[in-house]
N, C-alpha and C. Protein backbone atom coordinates (compact mmCIF):
# COMPACT_ATOMS: atom_id res chain seq x y z
N MET A 1 0.80 -1.23 -0.02
CA MET A 1 0.06 0.01 -0.03
C MET A 1 0.82 1.24 0.04
N ALA A 2 0.67 2.16 -0.88
CA ALA A 2 1.43 3.43 -0.96
C ALA A 2 1.15 4.31 0.19
N ALA A 3 2.18 4.97 0.70
CA ALA A 3 1.88 5.90 1.79
C ALA A 3 1.28 7.18 1.37
N LYS A 4 0.29 7.70 2.08
CA LYS A 4 -0.22 9.05 1.80
C LYS A 4 0.52 9.97 2.68
N LYS A 5 0.39 11.36 2.04
CA LYS A 5 0.81 12.36 2.87
C LYS A 5 -0.30 12.58 3.91
N THR A 6 0.23 13.26 5.09
CA THR A 6 -0.57 13.51 6.24
C THR A 6 -1.70 14.45 5.68
N VAL A 7 -2.82 14.15 6.30
CA VAL A 7 -4.10 14.88 6.03
C VAL A 7 -4.26 15.69 7.17
N TYR A 8 -4.07 17.16 6.93
CA TYR A 8 -4.33 18.10 8.04
C TYR A 8 -5.72 18.57 7.85
N LEU A 9 -6.35 18.67 9.14
CA LEU A 9 -7.79 19.23 9.12
C LEU A 9 -7.87 20.64 9.65
N SER A 10 -6.62 21.05 10.17
CA SER A 10 -6.70 22.49 10.50
C SER A 10 -5.21 22.94 10.42
N LYS A 11 -5.23 24.20 9.62
CA LYS A 11 -3.70 24.66 9.40
C LYS A 11 -3.30 25.50 10.40
N SER A 12 -4.16 25.98 11.30
CA SER A 12 -3.69 27.03 12.43
C SER A 12 -3.41 26.25 13.73
N ALA A 13 -3.81 24.96 13.79
CA ALA A 13 -3.47 24.16 15.10
C ALA A 13 -2.05 23.85 15.14
N SER A 14 -1.42 23.83 16.33
CA SER A 14 -0.05 23.38 16.57
C SER A 14 0.08 21.79 16.52
N THR A 15 -1.05 21.15 16.72
CA THR A 15 -1.18 19.66 16.83
C THR A 15 -1.48 19.08 15.50
N LEU A 16 -0.97 18.01 15.12
CA LEU A 16 -1.37 17.31 13.87
C LEU A 16 -2.61 16.50 14.04
N THR A 17 -3.56 16.75 13.12
CA THR A 17 -4.79 16.11 13.31
C THR A 17 -5.01 15.19 11.89
N VAL A 18 -5.36 14.08 12.02
CA VAL A 18 -5.67 13.21 10.98
C VAL A 18 -7.01 12.67 10.95
N ARG A 19 -7.57 12.21 9.79
CA ARG A 19 -8.95 11.71 9.73
C ARG A 19 -8.88 10.37 10.51
N LYS A 20 -10.11 10.06 11.07
CA LYS A 20 -10.28 8.86 11.88
C LYS A 20 -10.06 7.59 11.04
N GLY A 21 -10.48 7.61 9.68
CA GLY A 21 -10.44 6.53 8.81
C GLY A 21 -8.90 6.16 8.55
N GLU A 22 -8.04 7.20 8.61
CA GLU A 22 -6.61 6.97 8.36
C GLU A 22 -5.97 6.27 9.62
N VAL A 23 -6.44 6.62 10.81
CA VAL A 23 -5.95 6.08 12.01
C VAL A 23 -6.41 4.53 11.97
N GLN A 24 -7.65 4.29 11.60
CA GLN A 24 -8.10 3.01 11.55
C GLN A 24 -7.33 2.08 10.65
N LYS A 25 -7.01 2.73 9.54
CA LYS A 25 -6.14 1.82 8.45
C LYS A 25 -4.82 1.58 9.10
N LEU A 26 -4.30 2.50 9.94
CA LEU A 26 -2.90 2.32 10.48
C LEU A 26 -3.05 1.06 11.55
N LYS A 27 -4.09 1.22 12.36
CA LYS A 27 -4.18 0.19 13.24
C LYS A 27 -4.43 -1.15 12.68
N THR A 28 -5.26 -1.36 11.64
CA THR A 28 -5.51 -2.49 11.01
C THR A 28 -4.11 -3.12 10.32
N ALA A 29 -3.32 -2.21 9.81
CA ALA A 29 -2.12 -2.64 9.17
C ALA A 29 -1.19 -3.02 10.30
N LEU A 30 -1.10 -2.46 11.43
CA LEU A 30 -0.21 -2.83 12.55
C LEU A 30 -0.58 -4.27 13.06
N VAL A 31 -2.01 -4.48 13.23
CA VAL A 31 -2.41 -5.75 13.77
C VAL A 31 -2.12 -6.94 12.76
N LYS A 32 -2.16 -6.56 11.56
CA LYS A 32 -1.78 -7.50 10.50
C LYS A 32 -0.21 -7.88 10.66
N VAL A 33 0.54 -6.90 10.76
CA VAL A 33 2.10 -6.98 10.85
C VAL A 33 2.35 -7.86 12.04
N PHE A 34 1.78 -7.52 13.30
CA PHE A 34 2.25 -8.14 14.49
C PHE A 34 1.66 -9.62 14.53
N SER A 35 0.43 -9.85 13.79
CA SER A 35 0.11 -11.23 13.73
C SER A 35 0.95 -11.96 12.94
N GLU A 36 1.33 -11.49 11.64
CA GLU A 36 2.39 -12.26 10.93
C GLU A 36 3.61 -12.39 11.67
N TYR A 37 4.04 -11.44 12.34
CA TYR A 37 5.35 -11.70 13.06
C TYR A 37 5.21 -12.76 14.21
N GLY A 38 4.12 -12.75 14.73
CA GLY A 38 3.91 -13.83 15.65
C GLY A 38 3.93 -15.28 15.06
N ARG A 39 3.38 -15.24 13.89
CA ARG A 39 3.41 -16.69 13.14
C ARG A 39 4.73 -16.89 12.76
N LEU A 40 5.53 -15.91 12.44
CA LEU A 40 6.90 -16.12 11.75
C LEU A 40 7.75 -16.66 13.06
N LYS A 41 7.54 -16.03 14.19
CA LYS A 41 8.37 -16.49 15.26
C LYS A 41 8.11 -17.86 15.69
N GLY A 42 6.81 -18.19 15.66
CA GLY A 42 6.40 -19.62 15.97
C GLY A 42 6.92 -20.64 14.98
N GLN A 43 6.95 -20.15 13.68
CA GLN A 43 7.53 -20.98 12.58
C GLN A 43 9.00 -21.23 12.87
N GLN A 44 9.72 -20.03 13.19
CA GLN A 44 11.08 -20.16 13.51
C GLN A 44 11.48 -21.18 14.67
N ARG A 45 10.68 -21.04 15.80
CA ARG A 45 10.78 -21.96 16.82
C ARG A 45 10.70 -23.36 16.45
N ARG A 46 9.65 -23.71 15.68
CA ARG A 46 9.47 -25.05 15.27
C ARG A 46 10.60 -25.43 14.41
N PHE A 47 11.14 -24.62 13.62
CA PHE A 47 12.28 -24.89 12.64
C PHE A 47 13.50 -25.27 13.58
N GLU A 48 13.77 -24.26 14.47
CA GLU A 48 14.90 -24.58 15.29
C GLU A 48 14.86 -25.86 16.18
N THR A 49 13.63 -26.24 16.62
CA THR A 49 13.42 -27.58 17.22
C THR A 49 13.72 -28.63 16.51
N ALA A 50 13.23 -28.58 15.18
CA ALA A 50 13.55 -29.62 14.29
C ALA A 50 14.96 -29.86 13.95
N LEU A 51 15.54 -28.56 13.75
CA LEU A 51 17.04 -28.65 13.48
C LEU A 51 17.83 -29.19 14.70
N GLU A 52 17.42 -28.82 15.88
CA GLU A 52 17.96 -29.60 17.13
C GLU A 52 17.84 -31.01 17.10
N ASP A 53 16.70 -31.59 16.70
CA ASP A 53 16.46 -32.82 16.71
C ASP A 53 17.41 -33.62 15.71
N LEU A 54 17.58 -32.97 14.48
CA LEU A 54 18.45 -33.36 13.41
C LEU A 54 19.88 -33.50 13.89
N CYS A 55 20.31 -32.34 14.58
CA CYS A 55 21.71 -32.29 15.10
C CYS A 55 21.91 -33.27 16.12
N ALA A 56 20.93 -33.51 16.95
CA ALA A 56 21.02 -34.47 18.07
C ALA A 56 21.39 -35.87 17.42
N LEU A 57 20.70 -36.13 16.33
CA LEU A 57 20.97 -37.45 15.70
C LEU A 57 22.29 -37.61 14.95
N THR A 58 22.65 -36.45 14.16
CA THR A 58 23.80 -36.57 13.37
C THR A 58 25.15 -36.38 14.08
N ILE A 59 25.02 -35.66 15.24
CA ILE A 59 26.23 -35.20 15.99
C ILE A 59 27.02 -36.55 16.43
N LYS A 60 26.15 -37.56 16.79
CA LYS A 60 26.85 -38.80 17.26
C LYS A 60 27.61 -39.44 16.25
N TRP A 61 27.32 -39.26 14.95
CA TRP A 61 28.02 -39.98 13.87
C TRP A 61 29.07 -39.15 13.34
N THR A 62 29.21 -38.03 13.40
CA THR A 62 30.23 -37.10 12.83
C THR A 62 31.18 -36.57 13.77
N ILE A 63 31.17 -36.49 15.09
CA ILE A 63 32.08 -35.91 15.82
C ILE A 63 32.54 -37.09 16.84
N PRO A 64 34.00 -37.19 17.01
CA PRO A 64 34.53 -38.22 17.87
C PRO A 64 33.89 -38.02 19.29
N ARG A 65 33.87 -39.00 20.12
CA ARG A 65 33.28 -38.97 21.46
C ARG A 65 33.98 -37.96 22.32
N ARG A 66 35.44 -37.84 22.26
CA ARG A 66 36.10 -36.82 23.08
C ARG A 66 35.69 -35.48 22.92
N LYS A 67 35.44 -35.12 21.54
CA LYS A 67 35.12 -33.71 21.30
C LYS A 67 33.60 -33.50 21.62
N LEU A 68 32.85 -34.58 21.44
CA LEU A 68 31.35 -34.52 21.79
C LEU A 68 31.13 -34.17 23.22
N GLU A 69 31.98 -34.70 24.14
CA GLU A 69 31.89 -34.42 25.60
C GLU A 69 32.19 -32.98 25.82
N VAL A 70 33.15 -32.45 25.21
CA VAL A 70 33.60 -30.96 25.31
C VAL A 70 32.37 -30.19 24.79
N LEU A 71 31.72 -30.57 23.57
CA LEU A 71 30.59 -29.87 23.11
C LEU A 71 29.38 -29.87 24.19
N HIS A 72 29.33 -30.90 24.78
CA HIS A 72 28.20 -31.10 25.68
C HIS A 72 28.45 -30.16 26.96
N ARG A 73 29.62 -30.00 27.38
CA ARG A 73 29.91 -29.21 28.38
C ARG A 73 29.70 -27.76 28.07
N GLU A 74 30.06 -27.40 26.86
CA GLU A 74 29.91 -26.03 26.33
C GLU A 74 28.38 -25.63 26.22
N PHE A 75 27.72 -26.54 25.79
CA PHE A 75 26.19 -26.42 25.65
C PHE A 75 25.61 -26.18 26.91
N ARG A 76 25.99 -26.86 27.98
CA ARG A 76 25.41 -26.75 29.28
C ARG A 76 25.92 -25.54 30.05
N GLY A 77 26.77 -24.81 29.51
CA GLY A 77 27.19 -23.56 30.10
C GLY A 77 28.52 -23.75 30.88
N GLY A 78 29.32 -24.76 30.53
CA GLY A 78 30.62 -24.96 31.14
C GLY A 78 30.60 -25.66 32.47
N ARG A 79 29.46 -26.35 32.63
CA ARG A 79 29.43 -27.10 34.04
C ARG A 79 30.26 -28.40 33.96
């Protein structure tokens, strides 16, 4: 959607006034953006979980046991 210039209702007022319809359009657009953002973050979490599952399976096959133990310590925060 193309951006519109601000619609002034009063030239003499020091505050900016816009039409109620413009405000409603802005609110609708913001709701849509935040809704899509929430879906995107959920999809990202599901992807990361699936990737963790994949890594948990393949890490045993590709990294020698000694190095795997070091990685486990690093992932646990150095404990």
